[in-house]
Amino acid sequence: MADGNAIGRPTVMTPETLDKLKHAFLIGATDAEACLYADISDDVLYKYQRENPEFIKKKSQWKHNPFMKARTTVYKGLDQASVAQWYLERKKPDEFGFKDKKELA
């Protein structure tokens, strides 16, 4: 077109939609949950990702956020004996885990 106007429907991937997706992924949402929150279909998200491969890297980073936050919280709590014990029981179960009564007999 001579006037530079695009033909077709306007994109639903507005800055507001992208902000909603980011927020959802930062709190651990699945793709389906994030799409529901952002009021878009899964197909729209996956089409956007195909057209914007850098978004996939950002999404992966955002999805790791809850795990990093949880690790940080546990790390900060290691000064408390109960947190330290819980951590060791899970990370070193052979040494610090509970023994089955059968094993002790």
C-alpha atoms as a PDB file:
ATOM      1  CA  MET A   1       0.000   0.000   0.000  1.00  0.00           C
ATOM      2  CA  ALA A   2       1.204   3.479  -0.786  1.00  0.00           C
ATOM      3  CA  ASP A   3       0.306   4.991   2.598  1.00  0.00           C
ATOM      4  CA  GLY A   4       2.333   2.423   4.589  1.00  0.00           C
ATOM      5  CA  ASN A   5      -0.628   0.933   6.494  1.00  0.00           C
ATOM      6  CA  ALA A   6      -0.373  -2.780   7.182  1.00  0.00           C
ATOM      7  CA  ILE A   7      -3.085  -5.124   6.048  1.00  0.00           C
ATOM      8  CA  GLY A   8      -4.550  -7.666   8.465  1.00  0.00           C
ATOM      9  CA  ARG A   9      -5.572  -7.911  12.059  1.00  0.00           C
ATOM     10  CA  PRO A  10      -3.647  -5.999  14.696  1.00  0.00           C
ATOM     11  CA  THR A  11      -1.330  -8.102  16.824  1.00  0.00           C
ATOM     12  CA  VAL A  12      -2.535  -9.300  20.184  1.00  0.00           C
ATOM     13  CA  MET A  13       1.085  -9.434  21.322  1.00  0.00           C
ATOM     14  CA  THR A  14       1.042  -5.915  22.683  1.00  0.00           C
ATOM     15  CA  PRO A  15       3.508  -4.658  25.299  1.00  0.00           C
ATOM     16  CA  GLU A  16       0.795  -5.274  27.903  1.00  0.00           C
ATOM     17  CA  THR A  17       0.350  -8.880  26.757  1.00  0.00           C
ATOM     18  CA  LEU A  18       4.102  -9.445  26.831  1.00  0.00           C
ATOM     19  CA  ASP A  19       4.261  -7.971  30.350  1.00  0.00           C
ATOM     20  CA  LYS A  20       1.536 -10.358  31.491  1.00  0.00           C
ATOM     21  CA  LEU A  21       3.384 -13.325  29.990  1.00  0.00           C
ATOM     22  CA  LYS A  22       6.618 -12.244  31.685  1.00  0.00           C
ATOM     23  CA  HIS A  23       4.875 -11.873  35.051  1.00  0.00           C
ATOM     24  CA  ALA A  24       3.268 -15.303  34.727  1.00  0.00           C
ATOM     25  CA  PHE A  25       6.541 -16.998  33.780  1.00  0.00           C
ATOM     26  CA  LEU A  26       8.396 -15.253  36.623  1.00  0.00           C
ATOM     27  CA  ILE A  27       6.022 -16.817  39.142  1.00  0.00           C
ATOM     28  CA  GLY A  28       6.341 -20.291  37.651  1.00  0.00           C
ATOM     29  CA  ALA A  29       3.345 -20.513  35.328  1.00  0.00           C
ATOM     30  CA  THR A  30       3.232 -23.083  32.556  1.00  0.00           C
ATOM     31  CA  ASP A  31       2.787 -21.933  28.966  1.00  0.00           C
ATOM     32  CA  ALA A  32      -0.922 -22.753  29.167  1.00  0.00           C
ATOM     33  CA  GLU A  33      -1.354 -20.852  32.444  1.00  0.00           C
ATOM     34  CA  ALA A  34       0.573 -17.840  31.143  1.00  0.00           C
ATOM     35  CA  CYS A  35      -1.548 -17.749  27.992  1.00  0.00           C
ATOM     36  CA  LEU A  36      -4.726 -17.922  30.040  1.00  0.00           C
ATOM     37  CA  TYR A  37      -3.507 -15.056  32.234  1.00  0.00           C
ATOM     38  CA  ALA A  38      -2.510 -12.978  29.180  1.00  0.00           C
ATOM     39  CA  ASP A  39      -5.787 -13.830  27.423  1.00  0.00           C
ATOM     40  CA  ILE A  40      -4.156 -15.342  24.347  1.00  0.00           C
ATOM     41  CA  SER A  41      -4.164 -18.814  22.852  1.00  0.00           C
ATOM     42  CA  ASP A  42      -1.235 -21.206  22.988  1.00  0.00           C
ATOM     43  CA  ASP A  43      -1.048 -20.935  19.193  1.00  0.00           C
ATOM     44  CA  VAL A  44      -0.500 -17.172  19.440  1.00  0.00           C
ATOM     45  CA  LEU A  45       2.363 -17.686  21.911  1.00  0.00           C
ATOM     46  CA  TYR A  46       4.049 -20.359  19.801  1.00  0.00           C
ATOM     47  CA  LYS A  47       3.669 -18.323  16.603  1.00  0.00           C
ATOM     48  CA  TYR A  48       5.223 -15.339  18.382  1.00  0.00           C
ATOM     49  CA  GLN A  49       8.108 -17.543  19.554  1.00  0.00           C
ATOM     50  CA  ARG A  50       8.729 -18.816  16.015  1.00  0.00           C
ATOM     51  CA  GLU A  51       8.858 -15.229  14.773  1.00  0.00           C
ATOM     52  CA  ASN A  52      10.912 -14.001  17.771  1.00  0.00           C
ATOM     53  CA  PRO A  53      13.366 -16.732  18.790  1.00  0.00           C
ATOM     54  CA  GLU A  54      15.046 -14.429  21.328  1.00  0.00           C
ATOM     55  CA  PHE A  55      11.798 -14.554  23.313  1.00  0.00           C
ATOM     56  CA  ILE A  56      12.329 -18.283  23.929  1.00  0.00           C
ATOM     57  CA  LYS A  57      15.596 -17.536  25.760  1.00  0.00           C
ATOM     58  CA  LYS A  58      13.931 -14.853  27.878  1.00  0.00           C
ATOM     59  CA  LYS A  59      11.025 -17.180  28.677  1.00  0.00           C
ATOM     60  CA  SER A  60      13.434 -19.897  29.793  1.00  0.00           C
ATOM     61  CA  GLN A  61      15.210 -17.440  32.098  1.00  0.00           C
ATOM     62  CA  TRP A  62      11.912 -16.230  33.531  1.00  0.00           C
ATOM     63  CA  LYS A  63      10.745 -19.796  34.162  1.00  0.00           C
ATOM     64  CA  HIS A  64      13.875 -20.455  36.259  1.00  0.00           C
ATOM     65  CA  ASN A  65      13.164 -17.481  38.510  1.00  0.00           C
ATOM     66  CA  PRO A  66      11.048 -19.333  41.121  1.00  0.00           C
ATOM     67  CA  PHE A  67      13.747 -21.975  41.535  1.00  0.00           C
ATOM     68  CA  MET A  68      16.462 -19.376  42.011  1.00  0.00           C
ATOM     69  CA  LYS A  69      14.305 -17.483  44.488  1.00  0.00           C
ATOM     70  CA  ALA A  70      13.600 -20.696  46.424  1.00  0.00           C
ATOM     71  CA  ARG A  71      17.301 -21.621  46.452  1.00  0.00           C
ATOM     72  CA  THR A  72      18.164 -18.161  47.731  1.00  0.00           C
ATOM     73  CA  THR A  73      15.555 -18.445  50.477  1.00  0.00           C
ATOM     74  CA  VAL A  74      16.865 -21.848  51.563  1.00  0.00           C
ATOM     75  CA  TYR A  75      20.447 -20.597  51.468  1.00  0.00           C
ATOM     76  CA  LYS A  76      19.579 -17.604  53.627  1.00  0.00           C
ATOM     77  CA  GLY A  77      17.855 -19.922  56.111  1.00  0.00           C
ATOM     78  CA  LEU A  78      20.791 -22.282  56.553  1.00  0.00           C
ATOM     79  CA  ASP A  79      21.779 -20.482  59.757  1.00  0.00           C
ATOM     80  CA  GLN A  80      18.706 -22.068  61.349  1.00  0.00           C
ATOM     81  CA  ALA A  81      19.351 -25.628  62.516  1.00  0.00           C
ATOM     82  CA  SER A  82      15.968 -26.909  61.299  1.00  0.00           C
ATOM     83  CA  VAL A  83      16.557 -25.565  57.773  1.00  0.00           C
ATOM     84  CA  ALA A  84      20.114 -26.907  57.706  1.00  0.00           C
ATOM     85  CA  GLN A  85      18.890 -30.337  58.843  1.00  0.00           C
ATOM     86  CA  TRP A  86      16.107 -30.344  56.230  1.00  0.00           C
ATOM     87  CA  TYR A  87      18.615 -29.387  53.545  1.00  0.00           C
ATOM     88  CA  LEU A  88      21.117 -32.076  54.491  1.00  0.00           C
ATOM     89  CA  GLU A  89      18.420 -34.765  54.686  1.00  0.00           C
ATOM     90  CA  ARG A  90      17.490 -34.028  51.090  1.00  0.00           C
ATOM     91  CA  LYS A  91      20.911 -33.322  49.626  1.00  0.00           C
ATOM     92  CA  LYS A  92      22.837 -36.048  51.470  1.00  0.00           C
ATOM     93  CA  PRO A  93      20.212 -38.678  52.304  1.00  0.00           C
ATOM     94  CA  ASP A  94      22.790 -41.494  52.654  1.00  0.00           C
ATOM     95  CA  GLU A  95      24.533 -39.602  55.422  1.00  0.00           C
ATOM     96  CA  PHE A  96      21.771 -37.476  56.975  1.00  0.00           C
ATOM     97  CA  GLY A  97      18.533 -39.114  55.852  1.00  0.00           C
ATOM     98  CA  PHE A  98      16.210 -41.137  58.034  1.00  0.00           C
ATOM     99  CA  LYS A  99      17.114 -44.789  58.375  1.00  0.00           C
ATOM    100  CA  ASP A 100      14.455 -47.427  57.979  1.00  0.00           C
ATOM    101  CA  LYS A 101      13.963 -49.466  61.138  1.00  0.00           C
ATOM    102  CA  LYS A 102      14.721 -52.600  59.107  1.00  0.00           C
ATOM    103  CA  GLU A 103      18.151 -51.181  58.250  1.00  0.00           C
ATOM    104  CA  LEU A 104      18.926 -50.589  61.931  1.00  0.00           C
ATOM    105  CA  ALA A 105      18.076 -54.107  63.051  1.00  0.00           C
END
